[in-house]
PDB file of N, CA and C in Angstrom:
ATOM      1  N   LEU A   1     -17.036 -11.668  11.203  1.00  0.00           N
ATOM      2  CA  LEU A   1     -17.765 -12.061  10.009  1.00  0.00           C
ATOM      3  C   LEU A   1     -17.310 -11.247   8.791  1.00  0.00           C
ATOM      4  N   LEU A   2     -17.173  -9.938   8.967  1.00  0.00           N
ATOM      5  CA  LEU A   2     -16.752  -9.102   7.852  1.00  0.00           C
ATOM      6  C   LEU A   2     -15.338  -9.443   7.400  1.00  0.00           C
ATOM      7  N   GLU A   3     -14.469  -9.796   8.345  1.00  0.00           N
ATOM      8  CA  GLU A   3     -13.094 -10.148   7.992  1.00  0.00           C
ATOM      9  C   GLU A   3     -13.052 -11.355   7.069  1.00  0.00           C
ATOM     10  N   LYS A   4     -14.009 -12.258   7.196  1.00  0.00           N
ATOM     11  CA  LYS A   4     -14.063 -13.433   6.322  1.00  0.00           C
ATOM     12  C   LYS A   4     -14.507 -13.046   4.914  1.00  0.00           C
ATOM     13  N   ARG A   5     -15.314 -12.010   4.800  1.00  0.00           N
ATOM     14  CA  ARG A   5     -15.837 -11.598   3.500  1.00  0.00           C
ATOM     15  C   ARG A   5     -14.885 -10.680   2.733  1.00  0.00           C
ATOM     16  N   VAL A   6     -14.030  -9.992   3.434  1.00  0.00           N
ATOM     17  CA  VAL A   6     -13.055  -9.105   2.795  1.00  0.00           C
ATOM     18  C   VAL A   6     -11.704  -9.809   2.834  1.00  0.00           C
ATOM     19  N   ALA A   7     -11.193 -10.139   1.651  1.00  0.00           N
ATOM     20  CA  ALA A   7      -9.975 -10.955   1.557  1.00  0.00           C
ATOM     21  C   ALA A   7      -8.796 -10.355   2.320  1.00  0.00           C
ATOM     22  N   SER A   8      -8.604  -9.068   2.200  1.00  0.00           N
ATOM     23  CA  SER A   8      -7.490  -8.432   2.892  1.00  0.00           C
ATOM     24  C   SER A   8      -8.022  -7.288   3.757  1.00  0.00           C
ATOM     25  N   TRP A   9      -8.466  -7.621   4.933  1.00  0.00           N
ATOM     26  CA  TRP A   9      -9.081  -6.653   5.838  1.00  0.00           C
ATOM     27  C   TRP A   9      -8.120  -5.517   6.184  1.00  0.00           C
ATOM     28  N   GLN A  10      -6.853  -5.829   6.411  1.00  0.00           N
ATOM     29  CA  GLN A  10      -5.888  -4.791   6.784  1.00  0.00           C
ATOM     30  C   GLN A  10      -5.687  -3.790   5.645  1.00  0.00           C
ATOM     31  N   ARG A  11      -5.640  -4.279   4.411  1.00  0.00           N
ATOM     32  CA  ARG A  11      -5.516  -3.376   3.260  1.00  0.00           C
ATOM     33  C   ARG A  11      -6.752  -2.482   3.149  1.00  0.00           C
ATOM     34  N   PHE A  12      -7.915  -3.062   3.381  1.00  0.00           N
ATOM     35  CA  PHE A  12      -9.158  -2.294   3.343  1.00  0.00           C
ATOM     36  C   PHE A  12      -9.142  -1.197   4.403  1.00  0.00           C
ATOM     37  N   GLN A  13      -8.691  -1.528   5.601  1.00  0.00           N
ATOM     38  CA  GLN A  13      -8.618  -0.547   6.691  1.00  0.00           C
ATOM     39  C   GLN A  13      -7.640   0.580   6.336  1.00  0.00           C
ATOM     40  N   SER A  14      -6.506   0.232   5.727  1.00  0.00           N
ATOM     41  CA  SER A  14      -5.530   1.249   5.319  1.00  0.00           C
ATOM     42  C   SER A  14      -6.118   2.163   4.249  1.00  0.00           C
ATOM     43  N   LEU A  15      -6.792   1.578   3.277  1.00  0.00           N
ATOM     44  CA  LEU A  15      -7.426   2.358   2.217  1.00  0.00           C
ATOM     45  C   LEU A  15      -8.478   3.295   2.802  1.00  0.00           C
ATOM     46  N   ARG A  16      -9.267   2.786   3.695  1.00  0.00           N
ATOM     47  CA  ARG A  16     -10.313   3.585   4.350  1.00  0.00           C
ATOM     48  C   ARG A  16      -9.703   4.762   5.124  1.00  0.00           C
ATOM     49  N   ALA A  17      -8.609   4.509   5.818  1.00  0.00           N
ATOM     50  CA  ALA A  17      -7.957   5.567   6.595  1.00  0.00           C
ATOM     51  C   ALA A  17      -7.426   6.668   5.683  1.00  0.00           C
ATOM     52  N   ILE A  18      -6.818   6.295   4.574  1.00  0.00           N
ATOM     53  CA  ILE A  18      -6.269   7.303   3.665  1.00  0.00           C
ATOM     54  C   ILE A  18      -7.387   8.070   2.973  1.00  0.00           C
ATOM     55  N   LEU A  19      -8.448   7.376   2.590  1.00  0.00           N
ATOM     56  CA  LEU A  19      -9.570   8.059   1.947  1.00  0.00           C
ATOM     57  C   LEU A  19     -10.258   9.047   2.887  1.00  0.00           C
ATOM     58  N   SER A  20     -10.221   8.769   4.168  1.00  0.00           N
ATOM     59  CA  SER A  20     -10.873   9.671   5.122  1.00  0.00           C
ATOM     60  C   SER A  20      -9.913  10.707   5.712  1.00  0.00           C
ATOM     61  N   ALA A  21      -8.656  10.673   5.303  1.00  0.00           N
ATOM     62  CA  ALA A  21      -7.674  11.643   5.803  1.00  0.00           C
ATOM     63  C   ALA A  21      -8.072  13.057   5.380  1.00  0.00           C
ATOM     64  N   ALA A  22      -7.952  13.980   6.298  1.00  0.00           N
ATOM     65  CA  ALA A  22      -8.366  15.362   6.042  1.00  0.00           C
ATOM     66  C   ALA A  22      -7.251  16.218   5.450  1.00  0.00           C
ATOM     67  N   SER A  23      -6.013  15.744   5.539  1.00  0.00           N
ATOM     68  CA  SER A  23      -4.902  16.565   5.061  1.00  0.00           C
ATOM     69  C   SER A  23      -3.760  15.685   4.566  1.00  0.00           C
ATOM     70  N   LEU A  24      -2.846  16.320   3.856  1.00  0.00           N
ATOM     71  CA  LEU A  24      -1.654  15.606   3.398  1.00  0.00           C
ATOM     72  C   LEU A  24      -0.801  15.155   4.577  1.00  0.00           C
ATOM     73  N   GLU A  25      -0.767  15.949   5.626  1.00  0.00           N
ATOM     74  CA  GLU A  25       0.009  15.566   6.815  1.00  0.00           C
ATOM     75  C   GLU A  25      -0.568  14.312   7.460  1.00  0.00           C
ATOM     76  N   GLU A  26      -1.872  14.180   7.438  1.00  0.00           N
ATOM     77  CA  GLU A  26      -2.490  12.972   7.986  1.00  0.00           C
ATOM     78  C   GLU A  26      -2.137  11.760   7.125  1.00  0.00           C
ATOM     79  N   VAL A  27      -2.140  11.932   5.810  1.00  0.00           N
ATOM     80  CA  VAL A  27      -1.729  10.846   4.914  1.00  0.00           C
ATOM     81  C   VAL A  27      -0.279  10.485   5.192  1.00  0.00           C
ATOM     82  N   ARG A  28       0.567  11.504   5.363  1.00  0.00           N
ATOM     83  CA  ARG A  28       1.986  11.259   5.662  1.00  0.00           C
ATOM     84  C   ARG A  28       2.138  10.436   6.940  1.00  0.00           C
ATOM     85  N   SER A  29       1.402  10.794   7.971  1.00  0.00           N
ATOM     86  CA  SER A  29       1.535  10.074   9.244  1.00  0.00           C
ATOM     87  C   SER A  29       1.034   8.637   9.142  1.00  0.00           C
ATOM     88  N   LEU A  30       0.096   8.389   8.233  1.00  0.00           N
ATOM     89  CA  LEU A  30      -0.393   7.022   8.033  1.00  0.00           C
ATOM     90  C   LEU A  30       0.583   6.194   7.199  1.00  0.00           C
ATOM     91  N   ALA A  31       1.116   6.807   6.148  1.00  0.00           N
ATOM     92  CA  ALA A  31       1.964   6.070   5.211  1.00  0.00           C
ATOM     93  C   ALA A  31       3.422   5.995   5.646  1.00  0.00           C
ATOM     94  N   ILE A  32       3.905   7.038   6.320  1.00  0.00           N
ATOM     95  CA  ILE A  32       5.302   7.083   6.763  1.00  0.00           C
ATOM     96  C   ILE A  32       5.308   7.397   8.257  1.00  0.00           C
ATOM     97  N   PRO A  33       4.976   6.435   9.100  1.00  0.00           N
ATOM     98  CA  PRO A  33       4.921   6.725  10.540  1.00  0.00           C
ATOM     99  C   PRO A  33       6.311   6.999  11.111  1.00  0.00           C
ATOM    100  N   LEU A  34       6.409   8.015  11.946  1.00  0.00           N
ATOM    101  CA  LEU A  34       7.677   8.330  12.607  1.00  0.00           C
ATOM    102  C   LEU A  34       7.924   7.382  13.768  1.00  0.00           C
ATOM    103  N   ASP A  35       6.851   6.976  14.409  1.00  0.00           N
ATOM    104  CA  ASP A  35       6.930   6.093  15.570  1.00  0.00           C
ATOM    105  C   ASP A  35       6.549   4.683  15.143  1.00  0.00           C
ATOM    106  N   THR A  36       7.490   3.757  15.185  1.00  0.00           N
ATOM    107  CA  THR A  36       7.212   2.385  14.763  1.00  0.00           C
ATOM    108  C   THR A  36       6.295   1.661  15.733  1.00  0.00           C
ATOM    109  N   LYS A  37       6.128   2.201  16.930  1.00  0.00           N
ATOM    110  CA  LYS A  37       5.244   1.578  17.913  1.00  0.00           C
ATOM    111  C   LYS A  37       3.894   2.294  17.968  1.00  0.00           C
ATOM    112  N   SER A  38       3.562   2.962  16.871  1.00  0.00           N
ATOM    113  CA  SER A  38       2.301   3.698  16.813  1.00  0.00           C
ATOM    114  C   SER A  38       1.123   2.774  17.068  1.00  0.00           C
ATOM    115  N   ARG A  39       0.094   3.318  17.715  1.00  0.00           N
ATOM    116  CA  ARG A  39      -1.074   2.496  18.011  1.00  0.00           C
ATOM    117  C   ARG A  39      -1.895   2.229  16.753  1.00  0.00           C
ATOM    118  N   PHE A  40      -1.696   3.050  15.704  1.00  0.00           N
ATOM    119  CA  PHE A  40      -2.411   2.833  14.453  1.00  0.00           C
ATOM    120  C   PHE A  40      -1.761   1.678  13.698  1.00  0.00           C
ATOM    121  N   VAL A  41      -2.580   0.872  13.082  1.00  0.00           N
ATOM    122  CA  VAL A  41      -2.083  -0.242  12.281  1.00  0.00           C
ATOM    123  C   VAL A  41      -1.270   0.329  11.127  1.00  0.00           C
ATOM    124  N   ARG A  42      -0.124  -0.259  10.875  1.00  0.00           N
ATOM    125  CA  ARG A  42       0.721   0.268   9.807  1.00  0.00           C
ATOM    126  C   ARG A  42       0.016   0.175   8.457  1.00  0.00           C
ATOM    127  N   CYS A  43       0.425   0.996   7.553  1.00  0.00           N
ATOM    128  CA  CYS A  43      -0.197   1.071   6.237  1.00  0.00           C
ATOM    129  C   CYS A  43       0.092  -0.205   5.452  1.00  0.00           C
ATOM    130  N   HIS A  44      -0.947  -0.849   4.971  1.00  0.00           N
ATOM    131  CA  HIS A  44      -0.807  -2.089   4.214  1.00  0.00           C
ATOM    132  C   HIS A  44      -1.015  -1.848   2.725  1.00  0.00           C
ATOM    133  N   LEU A  45      -0.639  -0.664   2.266  1.00  0.00           N
ATOM    134  CA  LEU A  45      -0.705  -0.320   0.853  1.00  0.00           C
ATOM    135  C   LEU A  45       0.705  -0.006   0.375  1.00  0.00           C
ATOM    136  N   SER A  46       0.934  -0.176  -0.898  1.00  0.00           N
ATOM    137  CA  SER A  46       2.249   0.080  -1.471  1.00  0.00           C
ATOM    138  C   SER A  46       2.568   1.575  -1.446  1.00  0.00           C
ATOM    139  N   ARG A  47       3.686   1.927  -0.795  1.00  0.00           N
ATOM    140  CA  ARG A  47       4.101   3.332  -0.740  1.00  0.00           C
ATOM    141  C   ARG A  47       4.675   3.799  -2.070  1.00  0.00           C
ATOM    142  N   SER A  48       5.077   2.863  -2.904  1.00  0.00           N
ATOM    143  CA  SER A  48       5.655   3.265  -4.182  1.00  0.00           C
ATOM    144  C   SER A  48       4.601   3.414  -5.277  1.00  0.00           C
ATOM    145  N   GLU A  49       3.441   2.755  -5.127  1.00  0.00           N
ATOM    146  CA  GLU A  49       2.427   2.827  -6.181  1.00  0.00           C
ATOM    147  C   GLU A  49       1.050   3.263  -5.683  1.00  0.00           C
ATOM    148  N   GLU A  50       0.492   2.524  -4.739  1.00  0.00           N
ATOM    149  CA  GLU A  50      -0.902   2.753  -4.350  1.00  0.00           C
ATOM    150  C   GLU A  50      -1.124   4.071  -3.610  1.00  0.00           C
ATOM    151  N   VAL A  51      -0.300   4.354  -2.622  1.00  0.00           N
ATOM    152  CA  VAL A  51      -0.481   5.594  -1.851  1.00  0.00           C
ATOM    153  C   VAL A  51      -0.264   6.825  -2.739  1.00  0.00           C
ATOM    154  N   PRO A  52       0.782   6.866  -3.565  1.00  0.00           N
ATOM    155  CA  PRO A  52       0.930   8.035  -4.444  1.00  0.00           C
ATOM    156  C   PRO A  52      -0.253   8.231  -5.395  1.00  0.00           C
ATOM    157  N   ARG A  53      -0.802   7.142  -5.906  1.00  0.00           N
ATOM    158  CA  ARG A  53      -1.972   7.267  -6.788  1.00  0.00           C
ATOM    159  C   ARG A  53      -3.159   7.870  -6.042  1.00  0.00           C
ATOM    160  N   LEU A  54      -3.353   7.430  -4.809  1.00  0.00           N
ATOM    161  CA  LEU A  54      -4.441   7.982  -4.000  1.00  0.00           C
ATOM    162  C   LEU A  54      -4.211   9.465  -3.715  1.00  0.00           C
ATOM    163  N   VAL A  55      -2.973   9.822  -3.391  1.00  0.00           N
ATOM    164  CA  VAL A  55      -2.647  11.230  -3.103  1.00  0.00           C
ATOM    165  C   VAL A  55      -2.921  12.089  -4.335  1.00  0.00           C
ATOM    166  N   ARG A  56      -2.510  11.609  -5.505  1.00  0.00           N
ATOM    167  CA  ARG A  56      -2.752  12.376  -6.733  1.00  0.00           C
ATOM    168  C   ARG A  56      -4.245  12.522  -7.020  1.00  0.00           C
ATOM    169  N   ALA A  57      -5.003  11.488  -6.714  1.00  0.00           N
ATOM    170  CA  ALA A  57      -6.445  11.524  -6.978  1.00  0.00           C
ATOM    171  C   ALA A  57      -7.208  12.393  -5.976  1.00  0.00           C
ATOM    172  N   LEU A  58      -6.741  12.438  -4.736  1.00  0.00           N
ATOM    173  CA  LEU A  58      -7.498  13.111  -3.679  1.00  0.00           C
ATOM    174  C   LEU A  58      -7.112  14.568  -3.444  1.00  0.00           C
ATOM    175  N   PHE A  59      -5.866  14.927  -3.756  1.00  0.00           N
ATOM    176  CA  PHE A  59      -5.385  16.266  -3.420  1.00  0.00           C
ATOM    177  C   PHE A  59      -4.919  17.008  -4.671  1.00  0.00           C
ATOM    178  N   ARG A  60      -5.210  18.303  -4.705  1.00  0.00           N
ATOM    179  CA  ARG A  60      -4.821  19.120  -5.859  1.00  0.00           C
ATOM    180  C   ARG A  60      -3.306  19.325  -5.866  1.00  0.00           C
ATOM    181  N   PRO A  61      -2.745  19.614  -7.045  1.00  0.00           N
ATOM    182  CA  PRO A  61      -1.305  19.852  -7.130  1.00  0.00           C
ATOM    183  C   PRO A  61      -0.871  21.014  -6.230  1.00  0.00           C
ATOM    184  N   SER A  62       0.202  20.785  -5.494  1.00  0.00           N
ATOM    185  CA  SER A  62       0.761  21.822  -4.617  1.00  0.00           C
ATOM    186  C   SER A  62       2.178  21.421  -4.244  1.00  0.00           C
ATOM    187  N   ASN A  63       2.889  22.340  -3.630  1.00  0.00           N
ATOM    188  CA  ASN A  63       4.241  22.026  -3.157  1.00  0.00           C
ATOM    189  C   ASN A  63       4.197  20.939  -2.090  1.00  0.00           C
ATOM    190  N   ALA A  64       3.203  21.004  -1.214  1.00  0.00           N
ATOM    191  CA  ALA A  64       3.077  19.999  -0.147  1.00  0.00           C
ATOM    192  C   ALA A  64       2.826  18.612  -0.733  1.00  0.00           C
ATOM    193  N   ARG A  65       1.980  18.546  -1.759  1.00  0.00           N
ATOM    194  CA  ARG A  65       1.703  17.252  -2.396  1.00  0.00           C
ATOM    195  C   ARG A  65       2.959  16.714  -3.076  1.00  0.00           C
ATOM    196  N   SER A  66       3.680  17.576  -3.773  1.00  0.00           N
ATOM    197  CA  SER A  66       4.925  17.159  -4.433  1.00  0.00           C
ATOM    198  C   SER A  66       5.941  16.641  -3.427  1.00  0.00           C
ATOM    199  N   THR A  67       6.056  17.323  -2.302  1.00  0.00           N
ATOM    200  CA  THR A  67       6.985  16.899  -1.250  1.00  0.00           C
ATOM    201  C   THR A  67       6.593  15.542  -0.692  1.00  0.00           C
ATOM    202  N   LEU A  68       5.311  15.345  -0.436  1.00  0.00           N
ATOM    203  CA  LEU A  68       4.851  14.053   0.079  1.00  0.00           C
ATOM    204  C   LEU A  68       5.116  12.944  -0.930  1.00  0.00           C
ATOM    205  N   LEU A  69       4.834  13.179  -2.198  1.00  0.00           N
ATOM    206  CA  LEU A  69       5.081  12.160  -3.224  1.00  0.00           C
ATOM    207  C   LEU A  69       6.569  11.811  -3.303  1.00  0.00           C
ATOM    208  N   LYS A  70       7.428  12.832  -3.188  1.00  0.00           N
ATOM    209  CA  LYS A  70       8.875  12.596  -3.193  1.00  0.00           C
ATOM    210  C   LYS A  70       9.287  11.772  -1.971  1.00  0.00           C
ATOM    211  N   ASP A  71       8.752  12.115  -0.807  1.00  0.00           N
ATOM    212  CA  ASP A  71       9.073  11.384   0.423  1.00  0.00           C
ATOM    213  C   ASP A  71       8.584   9.937   0.360  1.00  0.00           C
ATOM    214  N   LEU A  72       7.423   9.721  -0.236  1.00  0.00           N
ATOM    215  CA  LEU A  72       6.908   8.358  -0.393  1.00  0.00           C
ATOM    216  C   LEU A  72       7.828   7.537  -1.294  1.00  0.00           C
ATOM    217  N   ALA A  73       8.295   8.151  -2.376  1.00  0.00           N
ATOM    218  CA  ALA A  73       9.199   7.451  -3.297  1.00  0.00           C
ATOM    219  C   ALA A  73      10.514   7.097  -2.607  1.00  0.00           C
ATOM    220  N   GLU A  74      11.015   7.997  -1.771  1.00  0.00           N
ATOM    221  CA  GLU A  74      12.283   7.753  -1.075  1.00  0.00           C
ATOM    222  C   GLU A  74      12.147   6.727   0.045  1.00  0.00           C
ATOM    223  N   SER A  75      10.961   6.621   0.629  1.00  0.00           N
ATOM    224  CA  SER A  75      10.790   5.715   1.772  1.00  0.00           C
ATOM    225  C   SER A  75      10.448   4.290   1.365  1.00  0.00           C
ATOM    226  N   SER A  76      10.160   4.073   0.084  1.00  0.00           N
ATOM    227  CA  SER A  76       9.805   2.707  -0.316  1.00  0.00           C
ATOM    228  C   SER A  76      10.988   1.880  -0.713  1.00  0.00           C
TER     229      SER A  76
END
């Protein structure tokens, strides 16, 4: 029933996962999975725009954040 009410359920699930991520490494594993056969649903958000915006909004400036943003730009 909820899937009918939310136009893009997979995008919503991806957004929810990133918003609830406890660390930059968790965001990295969601957005840039090392294992293509991961049991987690792949990220249905744009790695070039949406994920970096979320990272900037959720995490304070740091070397780790800069590295993740650079890796996201290179992987898209």
